[in-house]
Amino acid sequence: MKKQYAFLVDTELCIGCFTCAMACRNYYHQVEGVVWRQVYPLSEEIYPHRERAFLSLSCNHCENPECLNVCPVNAYTKREEDGVVVHHQEKCIGCGNCIRSCPYGAPKYNPEEKRAEKCSLCHERLDADLKPACVQACPTKALQLIDLATKQQTNQIQYPAGYPKMERLNPSTRFILPKMPKMVRR
C-alpha cells in the first residue's frame, strides 16, 4: 500500500473543545461562514450515555475522491507522495460540482472568492515536516495524523454510526469510538 495520510479521531480523548477547528480557522483565515473542520457531539441516539463524545471532522482525503472526479477544470489533485487531496483555488470556477458531489460535505463555497475550498491537510506544513494545524493544536491528542500504509487498524472503526458508508470512495479518516460505560447492577 502506498503512503496515505489520514486523520485518526479518538473519541475517547476528544473533549469537544473546538481547539482543532479554531487552529484551522486561524491558520487559513477563513471567511465568516466557511468552516473546514467541524466538531460534532454524538447524539444521544447514537451514544446514549451521560458522558458526552465528539467527532472532529473535515475532508477525508478519500482514496477515490468524488470532488476530484467531478471537477471540470482539474482544480483538485491527489498527491502521489502522501494521498492528500489538494484543492487549487486559483483553477476553481465556482461551479459547485464538488460541493454537491461530496457525501461528507468537505468542499465549502467561499462567497467572497466565489469558489470552492476545503481542507488540504495542511500540505504545505507537511512539506516542512510539521503537523497539520488542527493536529498540532489538539490538547488531548484526540486528533492525530497517521499513515494508513503503516498504522495497524486494530480497535479503529472506519464508519461510526450515522457516518456515510462510501466504500467506493474509501475515506481515509479513522475513528476510535467511545467505549460503552459498564452498567452498575444493584
N, C-alpha and C. Protein backbone atom coordinates (compact mmCIF):
# COMPACT_ATOMS: atom_id res chain seq x y z
N MET A 1 0.83 -1.19 0.00
CA MET A 1 0.00 0.00 0.00
C MET A 1 0.88 1.25 0.00
N LYS A 2 0.52 2.21 -0.85
CA LYS A 2 1.24 3.48 -0.89
C LYS A 2 0.89 4.29 0.36
N LYS A 3 1.78 5.24 0.67
CA LYS A 3 1.52 6.12 1.80
C LYS A 3 0.19 6.84 1.60
N GLN A 4 -0.63 6.85 2.66
CA GLN A 4 -1.90 7.56 2.65
C GLN A 4 -2.09 8.19 4.02
N TYR A 5 -1.87 9.50 4.08
CA TYR A 5 -2.10 10.19 5.34
C TYR A 5 -3.59 10.23 5.64
N ALA A 6 -3.90 10.18 6.92
CA ALA A 6 -5.29 10.18 7.36
C ALA A 6 -5.38 10.82 8.74
N PHE A 7 -6.57 11.32 9.05
CA PHE A 7 -6.85 11.78 10.40
C PHE A 7 -7.33 10.58 11.21
N LEU A 8 -6.85 10.46 12.43
CA LEU A 8 -7.36 9.50 13.39
C LEU A 8 -8.06 10.31 14.48
N VAL A 9 -9.36 10.07 14.64
CA VAL A 9 -10.16 10.79 15.62
C VAL A 9 -10.45 9.82 16.77
N ASP A 10 -9.88 10.10 17.93
CA ASP A 10 -10.09 9.26 19.10
C ASP A 10 -11.17 9.90 19.97
N THR A 11 -12.38 9.37 19.87
CA THR A 11 -13.50 9.97 20.61
C THR A 11 -13.39 9.72 22.12
N GLU A 12 -12.53 8.79 22.51
CA GLU A 12 -12.29 8.58 23.94
C GLU A 12 -11.54 9.76 24.53
N LEU A 13 -10.74 10.45 23.70
CA LEU A 13 -9.91 11.55 24.19
C LEU A 13 -10.49 12.93 23.89
N CYS A 14 -11.34 13.02 22.87
CA CYS A 14 -11.87 14.33 22.46
C CYS A 14 -12.81 14.89 23.52
N ILE A 15 -12.56 16.13 23.93
CA ILE A 15 -13.39 16.79 24.95
C ILE A 15 -14.32 17.84 24.34
N GLY A 16 -14.33 17.95 23.01
CA GLY A 16 -15.23 18.89 22.36
C GLY A 16 -14.85 20.34 22.57
N CYS A 17 -13.57 20.63 22.69
CA CYS A 17 -13.12 21.99 23.00
C CYS A 17 -13.04 22.90 21.78
N PHE A 18 -13.10 22.35 20.56
CA PHE A 18 -13.06 23.08 19.30
C PHE A 18 -11.68 23.71 19.01
N THR A 19 -10.65 23.33 19.76
CA THR A 19 -9.32 23.89 19.51
C THR A 19 -8.83 23.51 18.11
N CYS A 20 -9.13 22.32 17.65
CA CYS A 20 -8.72 21.89 16.31
C CYS A 20 -9.38 22.77 15.24
N ALA A 21 -10.67 23.02 15.39
CA ALA A 21 -11.40 23.85 14.42
C ALA A 21 -10.88 25.28 14.44
N MET A 22 -10.59 25.80 15.62
CA MET A 22 -10.08 27.18 15.72
C MET A 22 -8.67 27.29 15.15
N ALA A 23 -7.85 26.26 15.34
CA ALA A 23 -6.49 26.28 14.79
C ALA A 23 -6.54 26.34 13.26
N CYS A 24 -7.44 25.56 12.67
CA CYS A 24 -7.62 25.57 11.23
C CYS A 24 -8.07 26.95 10.75
N ARG A 25 -9.07 27.48 11.42
CA ARG A 25 -9.61 28.78 11.06
C ARG A 25 -8.55 29.89 11.19
N ASN A 26 -7.80 29.85 12.26
CA ASN A 26 -6.76 30.86 12.48
C ASN A 26 -5.62 30.74 11.48
N TYR A 27 -5.27 29.52 11.13
CA TYR A 27 -4.16 29.31 10.20
C TYR A 27 -4.52 29.78 8.79
N TYR A 28 -5.73 29.49 8.37
CA TYR A 28 -6.14 29.80 6.99
C TYR A 28 -6.99 31.06 6.84
N HIS A 29 -7.35 31.69 7.95
CA HIS A 29 -8.13 32.94 7.92
C HIS A 29 -9.37 32.80 7.04
N GLN A 30 -10.14 31.77 7.31
CA GLN A 30 -11.36 31.52 6.52
C GLN A 30 -12.38 32.63 6.76
N VAL A 31 -13.11 32.96 5.71
CA VAL A 31 -14.14 33.99 5.83
C VAL A 31 -15.28 33.48 6.69
N GLU A 32 -16.06 34.39 7.24
CA GLU A 32 -17.18 34.02 8.08
C GLU A 32 -18.14 33.09 7.33
N GLY A 33 -18.53 32.04 7.99
CA GLY A 33 -19.45 31.08 7.40
C GLY A 33 -18.78 29.94 6.65
N VAL A 34 -17.48 30.03 6.42
CA VAL A 34 -16.73 28.96 5.75
C VAL A 34 -15.90 28.23 6.81
N VAL A 35 -16.24 26.96 7.04
CA VAL A 35 -15.59 26.18 8.09
C VAL A 35 -15.12 24.86 7.49
N TRP A 36 -13.83 24.58 7.61
CA TRP A 36 -13.28 23.34 7.05
C TRP A 36 -13.30 22.20 8.05
N ARG A 37 -13.24 22.48 9.34
CA ARG A 37 -13.27 21.42 10.37
C ARG A 37 -14.39 21.74 11.33
N GLN A 38 -15.23 20.73 11.55
CA GLN A 38 -16.37 20.85 12.47
C GLN A 38 -16.20 19.85 13.60
N VAL A 39 -16.69 20.21 14.76
CA VAL A 39 -16.73 19.30 15.90
C VAL A 39 -18.20 19.04 16.22
N TYR A 40 -18.59 17.77 16.15
CA TYR A 40 -19.99 17.39 16.35
C TYR A 40 -20.12 16.53 17.61
N PRO A 41 -21.07 16.86 18.47
CA PRO A 41 -21.34 15.94 19.58
C PRO A 41 -22.09 14.73 19.04
N LEU A 42 -21.75 13.56 19.53
CA LEU A 42 -22.51 12.36 19.16
C LEU A 42 -23.88 12.46 19.81
N SER A 43 -24.91 12.29 19.04
CA SER A 43 -26.27 12.43 19.57
C SER A 43 -26.58 11.29 20.53
N GLU A 44 -27.55 11.53 21.37
CA GLU A 44 -27.94 10.51 22.34
C GLU A 44 -28.49 9.26 21.68
N GLU A 45 -29.01 9.39 20.45
CA GLU A 45 -29.50 8.21 19.72
C GLU A 45 -28.34 7.29 19.35
N ILE A 46 -27.18 7.88 19.08
CA ILE A 46 -26.00 7.10 18.71
C ILE A 46 -25.22 6.66 19.95
N TYR A 47 -25.10 7.56 20.92
CA TYR A 47 -24.30 7.30 22.12
C TYR A 47 -25.12 7.71 23.34
N PRO A 48 -26.02 6.83 23.81
CA PRO A 48 -26.99 7.21 24.84
C PRO A 48 -26.45 7.13 26.27
N HIS A 49 -25.41 7.90 26.55
CA HIS A 49 -24.81 7.86 27.88
C HIS A 49 -24.58 9.28 28.38
N ARG A 50 -24.46 9.39 29.68
CA ARG A 50 -24.30 10.70 30.32
C ARG A 50 -23.02 11.39 29.87
N GLU A 51 -21.94 10.64 29.77
CA GLU A 51 -20.69 11.22 29.29
C GLU A 51 -20.88 11.58 27.82
N ARG A 52 -20.37 12.69 27.40
CA ARG A 52 -20.53 13.11 26.00
C ARG A 52 -19.33 12.63 25.18
N ALA A 53 -19.56 12.47 23.91
CA ALA A 53 -18.50 12.09 22.97
C ALA A 53 -18.64 12.98 21.74
N PHE A 54 -17.52 13.23 21.07
CA PHE A 54 -17.49 14.17 19.95
C PHE A 54 -16.73 13.58 18.77
N LEU A 55 -17.10 14.03 17.56
CA LEU A 55 -16.37 13.71 16.34
C LEU A 55 -15.83 15.01 15.76
N SER A 56 -14.55 15.05 15.48
CA SER A 56 -13.93 16.20 14.81
C SER A 56 -13.73 15.79 13.36
N LEU A 57 -14.43 16.48 12.44
CA LEU A 57 -14.44 16.07 11.04
C LEU A 57 -14.04 17.19 10.09
N SER A 58 -13.35 16.80 9.04
CA SER A 58 -13.03 17.70 7.92
C SER A 58 -12.96 16.83 6.68
N CYS A 59 -12.19 17.22 5.69
CA CYS A 59 -12.05 16.41 4.48
C CYS A 59 -11.44 15.06 4.84
N ASN A 60 -11.94 14.01 4.20
CA ASN A 60 -11.46 12.65 4.44
C ASN A 60 -10.27 12.24 3.57
N HIS A 61 -9.91 13.05 2.60
CA HIS A 61 -8.81 12.73 1.69
C HIS A 61 -8.97 11.29 1.19
N CYS A 62 -10.10 11.08 0.52
CA CYS A 62 -10.52 9.76 0.06
C CYS A 62 -9.52 9.14 -0.92
N GLU A 63 -9.52 7.83 -0.96
CA GLU A 63 -8.69 7.11 -1.93
C GLU A 63 -9.17 7.41 -3.36
N ASN A 64 -10.47 7.49 -3.54
CA ASN A 64 -11.07 7.79 -4.84
C ASN A 64 -12.00 9.00 -4.67
N PRO A 65 -11.43 10.22 -4.55
CA PRO A 65 -12.22 11.39 -4.19
C PRO A 65 -13.21 11.83 -5.26
N GLU A 66 -14.47 11.94 -4.86
CA GLU A 66 -15.51 12.37 -5.78
C GLU A 66 -15.29 13.81 -6.24
N CYS A 67 -14.77 14.67 -5.36
CA CYS A 67 -14.52 16.07 -5.73
C CYS A 67 -13.56 16.15 -6.92
N LEU A 68 -12.53 15.34 -6.90
CA LEU A 68 -11.55 15.30 -8.00
C LEU A 68 -12.20 14.77 -9.27
N ASN A 69 -13.03 13.74 -9.13
CA ASN A 69 -13.63 13.09 -10.30
C ASN A 69 -14.66 13.95 -11.02
N VAL A 70 -15.33 14.87 -10.30
CA VAL A 70 -16.39 15.67 -10.93
C VAL A 70 -15.94 17.07 -11.33
N CYS A 71 -14.75 17.47 -10.97
CA CYS A 71 -14.30 18.84 -11.27
C CYS A 71 -13.99 18.99 -12.76
N PRO A 72 -14.67 19.92 -13.45
CA PRO A 72 -14.47 20.07 -14.89
C PRO A 72 -13.17 20.79 -15.28
N VAL A 73 -12.50 21.41 -14.30
CA VAL A 73 -11.29 22.19 -14.63
C VAL A 73 -10.04 21.67 -13.92
N ASN A 74 -10.13 20.45 -13.37
CA ASN A 74 -8.99 19.83 -12.68
C ASN A 74 -8.42 20.71 -11.57
N ALA A 75 -9.32 21.26 -10.77
CA ALA A 75 -8.89 22.09 -9.64
C ALA A 75 -8.47 21.24 -8.43
N TYR A 76 -8.64 19.94 -8.52
CA TYR A 76 -8.24 19.02 -7.45
C TYR A 76 -7.14 18.10 -7.95
N THR A 77 -6.19 17.81 -7.07
CA THR A 77 -5.17 16.80 -7.34
C THR A 77 -5.02 15.92 -6.10
N LYS A 78 -4.57 14.71 -6.31
CA LYS A 78 -4.27 13.80 -5.21
C LYS A 78 -2.77 13.57 -5.24
N ARG A 79 -2.09 13.98 -4.19
CA ARG A 79 -0.63 13.89 -4.16
C ARG A 79 -0.17 12.44 -4.11
N GLU A 80 0.72 12.09 -5.01
CA GLU A 80 1.27 10.73 -5.07
C GLU A 80 2.04 10.37 -3.81
N GLU A 81 2.75 11.33 -3.25
CA GLU A 81 3.66 11.03 -2.13
C GLU A 81 2.95 10.75 -0.81
N ASP A 82 1.67 11.21 -0.64
CA ASP A 82 1.02 11.01 0.65
C ASP A 82 -0.49 10.88 0.59
N GLY A 83 -1.08 10.91 -0.61
CA GLY A 83 -2.52 10.72 -0.76
C GLY A 83 -3.38 11.91 -0.38
N VAL A 84 -2.77 13.05 -0.09
CA VAL A 84 -3.53 14.24 0.29
C VAL A 84 -4.26 14.79 -0.94
N VAL A 85 -5.54 15.10 -0.78
CA VAL A 85 -6.34 15.68 -1.86
C VAL A 85 -6.27 17.20 -1.71
N VAL A 86 -5.67 17.85 -2.69
CA VAL A 86 -5.44 19.30 -2.64
C VAL A 86 -6.38 20.00 -3.61
N HIS A 87 -6.99 21.07 -3.13
CA HIS A 87 -7.82 21.92 -3.99
C HIS A 87 -6.99 23.14 -4.39
N HIS A 88 -6.93 23.39 -5.71
CA HIS A 88 -6.19 24.54 -6.23
C HIS A 88 -7.20 25.63 -6.56
N GLN A 89 -7.42 26.52 -5.60
CA GLN A 89 -8.49 27.50 -5.70
C GLN A 89 -8.32 28.42 -6.92
N GLU A 90 -7.09 28.64 -7.33
CA GLU A 90 -6.88 29.53 -8.49
C GLU A 90 -7.42 28.94 -9.78
N LYS A 91 -7.61 27.61 -9.83
CA LYS A 91 -8.18 26.97 -11.01
C LYS A 91 -9.70 26.86 -10.94
N CYS A 92 -10.26 26.97 -9.73
CA CYS A 92 -11.69 26.74 -9.49
C CYS A 92 -12.53 27.81 -10.19
N ILE A 93 -13.62 27.36 -10.82
CA ILE A 93 -14.55 28.29 -11.48
C ILE A 93 -15.83 28.46 -10.67
N GLY A 94 -15.92 27.84 -9.51
CA GLY A 94 -17.07 28.00 -8.64
C GLY A 94 -18.34 27.33 -9.11
N CYS A 95 -18.22 26.27 -9.91
CA CYS A 95 -19.41 25.60 -10.47
C CYS A 95 -20.20 24.84 -9.42
N GLY A 96 -19.55 24.43 -8.33
CA GLY A 96 -20.23 23.73 -7.24
C GLY A 96 -20.36 22.23 -7.41
N ASN A 97 -19.82 21.65 -8.48
CA ASN A 97 -19.91 20.20 -8.67
C ASN A 97 -19.33 19.44 -7.48
N CYS A 98 -18.19 19.89 -6.99
CA CYS A 98 -17.54 19.20 -5.87
C CYS A 98 -18.38 19.31 -4.60
N ILE A 99 -18.98 20.46 -4.38
CA ILE A 99 -19.79 20.68 -3.19
C ILE A 99 -21.00 19.76 -3.21
N ARG A 100 -21.65 19.67 -4.34
CA ARG A 100 -22.84 18.80 -4.46
C ARG A 100 -22.49 17.32 -4.44
N SER A 101 -21.30 16.95 -4.87
CA SER A 101 -20.94 15.54 -5.04
C SER A 101 -20.30 14.89 -3.83
N CYS A 102 -19.69 15.66 -2.96
CA CYS A 102 -19.01 15.08 -1.80
C CYS A 102 -20.04 14.67 -0.76
N PRO A 103 -20.15 13.36 -0.45
CA PRO A 103 -21.14 12.91 0.54
C PRO A 103 -20.79 13.33 1.96
N TYR A 104 -19.58 13.83 2.17
CA TYR A 104 -19.14 14.23 3.50
C TYR A 104 -19.19 15.74 3.71
N GLY A 105 -19.54 16.49 2.67
CA GLY A 105 -19.68 17.94 2.81
C GLY A 105 -18.37 18.67 3.02
N ALA A 106 -17.26 18.11 2.54
CA ALA A 106 -15.96 18.74 2.77
C ALA A 106 -15.75 20.04 1.98
N PRO A 107 -15.98 20.08 0.67
CA PRO A 107 -15.79 21.35 -0.04
C PRO A 107 -16.86 22.36 0.40
N LYS A 108 -16.42 23.58 0.61
CA LYS A 108 -17.31 24.66 1.02
C LYS A 108 -17.23 25.79 0.00
N TYR A 109 -18.34 26.50 -0.17
CA TYR A 109 -18.36 27.63 -1.09
C TYR A 109 -17.93 28.89 -0.35
N ASN A 110 -16.95 29.59 -0.90
CA ASN A 110 -16.48 30.86 -0.35
C ASN A 110 -17.17 31.97 -1.13
N PRO A 111 -18.13 32.68 -0.52
CA PRO A 111 -18.88 33.70 -1.25
C PRO A 111 -18.05 34.92 -1.64
N GLU A 112 -16.97 35.18 -0.93
CA GLU A 112 -16.10 36.31 -1.29
C GLU A 112 -15.25 35.99 -2.51
N GLU A 113 -14.71 34.78 -2.54
CA GLU A 113 -13.87 34.35 -3.67
C GLU A 113 -14.70 33.81 -4.83
N LYS A 114 -15.96 33.44 -4.53
CA LYS A 114 -16.86 32.82 -5.50
C LYS A 114 -16.27 31.52 -6.07
N ARG A 115 -15.69 30.75 -5.15
CA ARG A 115 -15.07 29.47 -5.50
C ARG A 115 -15.21 28.51 -4.32
N ALA A 116 -14.96 27.26 -4.60
CA ALA A 116 -14.95 26.25 -3.54
C ALA A 116 -13.59 26.26 -2.84
N GLU A 117 -13.57 25.70 -1.65
CA GLU A 117 -12.32 25.49 -0.92
C GLU A 117 -12.56 24.37 0.08
N LYS A 118 -11.48 23.79 0.60
CA LYS A 118 -11.60 22.69 1.57
C LYS A 118 -10.28 22.47 2.28
N CYS A 119 -10.32 21.61 3.27
CA CYS A 119 -9.11 21.20 3.98
C CYS A 119 -8.14 20.54 3.00
N SER A 120 -6.89 20.93 3.09
CA SER A 120 -5.85 20.31 2.26
C SER A 120 -4.83 19.58 3.14
N LEU A 121 -5.26 19.22 4.34
CA LEU A 121 -4.42 18.53 5.32
C LEU A 121 -3.13 19.29 5.57
N CYS A 122 -3.20 20.62 5.43
CA CYS A 122 -2.03 21.49 5.63
C CYS A 122 -0.81 20.95 4.88
N HIS A 123 -1.00 20.64 3.59
CA HIS A 123 0.08 20.01 2.82
C HIS A 123 1.37 20.83 2.83
N GLU A 124 1.25 22.14 2.90
CA GLU A 124 2.47 22.96 2.96
C GLU A 124 3.19 22.78 4.29
N ARG A 125 2.45 22.53 5.36
CA ARG A 125 3.07 22.23 6.66
C ARG A 125 3.70 20.83 6.62
N LEU A 126 3.01 19.86 6.00
CA LEU A 126 3.57 18.52 5.87
C LEU A 126 4.89 18.57 5.11
N ASP A 127 4.95 19.39 4.06
CA ASP A 127 6.18 19.52 3.27
C ASP A 127 7.33 20.11 4.09
N ALA A 128 6.99 20.84 5.15
CA ALA A 128 8.01 21.41 6.04
C ALA A 128 8.21 20.55 7.29
N ASP A 129 7.75 19.29 7.24
CA ASP A 129 7.86 18.34 8.35
C ASP A 129 7.14 18.82 9.61
N LEU A 130 6.02 19.52 9.43
CA LEU A 130 5.18 19.95 10.54
C LEU A 130 3.86 19.20 10.48
N LYS A 131 3.19 19.12 11.61
CA LYS A 131 1.87 18.50 11.66
C LYS A 131 0.83 19.49 11.14
N PRO A 132 -0.31 19.00 10.67
CA PRO A 132 -1.41 19.92 10.34
C PRO A 132 -1.76 20.78 11.56
N ALA A 133 -2.22 21.99 11.33
CA ALA A 133 -2.52 22.93 12.42
C ALA A 133 -3.50 22.33 13.42
N CYS A 134 -4.54 21.64 12.93
CA CYS A 134 -5.55 21.06 13.82
C CYS A 134 -4.95 19.98 14.72
N VAL A 135 -4.10 19.15 14.15
CA VAL A 135 -3.46 18.06 14.91
C VAL A 135 -2.50 18.63 15.94
N GLN A 136 -1.70 19.60 15.54
CA GLN A 136 -0.73 20.20 16.46
C GLN A 136 -1.44 20.87 17.64
N ALA A 137 -2.61 21.46 17.40
CA ALA A 137 -3.30 22.22 18.43
C ALA A 137 -4.08 21.37 19.42
N CYS A 138 -4.40 20.14 19.09
CA CYS A 138 -5.26 19.33 19.94
C CYS A 138 -4.61 19.09 21.31
N PRO A 139 -5.23 19.59 22.39
CA PRO A 139 -4.59 19.49 23.71
C PRO A 139 -4.62 18.09 24.30
N THR A 140 -5.49 17.22 23.81
CA THR A 140 -5.59 15.86 24.37
C THR A 140 -5.04 14.79 23.44
N LYS A 141 -4.53 15.20 22.28
CA LYS A 141 -4.03 14.26 21.27
C LYS A 141 -5.14 13.36 20.73
N ALA A 142 -6.38 13.86 20.77
CA ALA A 142 -7.52 13.10 20.24
C ALA A 142 -7.51 13.10 18.72
N LEU A 143 -6.88 14.09 18.12
CA LEU A 143 -6.77 14.18 16.67
C LEU A 143 -5.31 13.96 16.29
N GLN A 144 -5.08 12.93 15.50
CA GLN A 144 -3.71 12.57 15.12
C GLN A 144 -3.62 12.40 13.61
N LEU A 145 -2.41 12.51 13.09
CA LEU A 145 -2.12 12.23 11.70
C LEU A 145 -1.46 10.86 11.65
N ILE A 146 -2.03 9.97 10.85
CA ILE A 146 -1.47 8.63 10.72
C ILE A 146 -1.25 8.32 9.24
N ASP A 147 -0.44 7.33 8.98
CA ASP A 147 -0.23 6.81 7.63
C ASP A 147 -0.90 5.45 7.58
N LEU A 148 -1.94 5.33 6.75
CA LEU A 148 -2.68 4.07 6.68
C LEU A 148 -1.83 2.92 6.17
N ALA A 149 -0.75 3.22 5.48
CA ALA A 149 0.13 2.16 4.97
C ALA A 149 0.91 1.49 6.10
N THR A 150 1.09 2.18 7.21
CA THR A 150 1.90 1.62 8.30
C THR A 150 1.13 1.46 9.61
N LYS A 151 0.03 2.17 9.78
CA LYS A 151 -0.72 2.13 11.03
C LYS A 151 -1.59 0.89 11.09
N GLN A 152 -1.40 0.10 12.12
CA GLN A 152 -2.25 -1.09 12.30
C GLN A 152 -3.65 -0.63 12.68
N GLN A 153 -4.66 -1.22 12.10
CA GLN A 153 -6.04 -0.76 12.25
C GLN A 153 -6.81 -1.41 13.40
N THR A 154 -6.13 -2.05 14.32
CA THR A 154 -6.85 -2.68 15.42
C THR A 154 -7.54 -1.62 16.28
N ASN A 155 -8.75 -1.91 16.72
CA ASN A 155 -9.56 -1.04 17.56
C ASN A 155 -9.95 0.27 16.87
N GLN A 156 -9.78 0.37 15.57
CA GLN A 156 -10.16 1.58 14.85
C GLN A 156 -11.30 1.22 13.92
N ILE A 157 -12.36 1.98 14.00
CA ILE A 157 -13.54 1.72 13.21
C ILE A 157 -13.66 2.79 12.16
N GLN A 158 -13.79 2.38 10.91
CA GLN A 158 -13.82 3.35 9.83
C GLN A 158 -15.13 4.12 9.78
N TYR A 159 -16.25 3.48 10.08
CA TYR A 159 -17.55 4.14 9.92
C TYR A 159 -18.34 4.11 11.22
N PRO A 160 -18.32 5.18 12.01
CA PRO A 160 -19.19 5.22 13.19
C PRO A 160 -20.65 5.32 12.77
N ALA A 161 -21.55 5.05 13.68
CA ALA A 161 -22.99 5.12 13.40
C ALA A 161 -23.34 6.49 12.84
N GLY A 162 -24.11 6.51 11.77
CA GLY A 162 -24.53 7.75 11.15
C GLY A 162 -23.56 8.32 10.13
N TYR A 163 -22.40 7.71 10.00
CA TYR A 163 -21.38 8.19 9.06
C TYR A 163 -21.63 7.52 7.71
N PRO A 164 -21.66 8.29 6.61
CA PRO A 164 -21.96 7.68 5.30
C PRO A 164 -20.95 6.58 4.94
N LYS A 165 -21.47 5.42 4.60
CA LYS A 165 -20.61 4.30 4.21
C LYS A 165 -20.41 4.34 2.71
N MET A 166 -19.28 4.85 2.30
CA MET A 166 -18.96 5.01 0.88
C MET A 166 -17.67 4.26 0.58
N GLU A 167 -17.77 2.92 0.55
CA GLU A 167 -16.57 2.11 0.32
C GLU A 167 -15.92 2.43 -1.02
N ARG A 168 -16.71 2.84 -2.02
CA ARG A 168 -16.16 3.18 -3.34
C ARG A 168 -15.18 4.36 -3.24
N LEU A 169 -15.47 5.30 -2.36
CA LEU A 169 -14.59 6.46 -2.17
C LEU A 169 -13.44 6.13 -1.23
N ASN A 170 -13.66 5.24 -0.29
CA ASN A 170 -12.70 4.84 0.73
C ASN A 170 -12.11 6.05 1.46
N PRO A 171 -12.93 6.72 2.28
CA PRO A 171 -12.41 7.87 3.04
C PRO A 171 -11.30 7.42 3.97
N SER A 172 -10.30 8.26 4.16
CA SER A 172 -9.14 7.84 4.95
C SER A 172 -9.29 8.11 6.44
N THR A 173 -10.21 8.95 6.86
CA THR A 173 -10.36 9.23 8.29
C THR A 173 -10.72 7.95 9.03
N ARG A 174 -10.08 7.74 10.17
CA ARG A 174 -10.33 6.58 11.02
C ARG A 174 -10.76 7.07 12.39
N PHE A 175 -11.49 6.22 13.09
CA PHE A 175 -12.08 6.59 14.37
C PHE A 175 -11.81 5.54 15.42
N ILE A 176 -11.62 6.00 16.63
CA ILE A 176 -11.68 5.14 17.81
C ILE A 176 -12.92 5.62 18.55
N LEU A 177 -13.92 4.76 18.60
CA LEU A 177 -15.20 5.14 19.19
C LEU A 177 -15.16 4.99 20.71
N PRO A 178 -16.06 5.72 21.39
CA PRO A 178 -16.07 5.62 22.86
C PRO A 178 -16.49 4.23 23.30
N LYS A 179 -15.89 3.80 24.38
CA LYS A 179 -16.30 2.52 24.97
C LYS A 179 -17.61 2.75 25.70
N MET A 180 -18.46 1.79 25.62
CA MET A 180 -19.73 1.89 26.32
C MET A 180 -19.48 1.72 27.82
N PRO A 181 -20.01 2.64 28.64
CA PRO A 181 -19.81 2.50 30.08
C PRO A 181 -20.46 1.23 30.60
N LYS A 182 -19.84 0.64 31.62
CA LYS A 182 -20.39 -0.56 32.22
C LYS A 182 -21.59 -0.18 33.09
N MET A 183 -22.61 -0.99 32.99
CA MET A 183 -23.81 -0.75 33.78
C MET A 183 -23.57 -1.27 35.19
N VAL A 184 -23.98 -0.49 36.16
CA VAL A 184 -23.83 -0.87 37.55
C VAL A 184 -25.11 -1.62 37.97
N ARG A 185 -24.91 -2.83 38.49
CA ARG A 185 -26.05 -3.62 38.94
C ARG A 185 -26.28 -3.35 40.43
N ARG A 186 -27.51 -3.27 40.76
CA ARG A 186 -27.85 -3.03 42.17
C ARG A 186 -28.50 -4.24 42.77
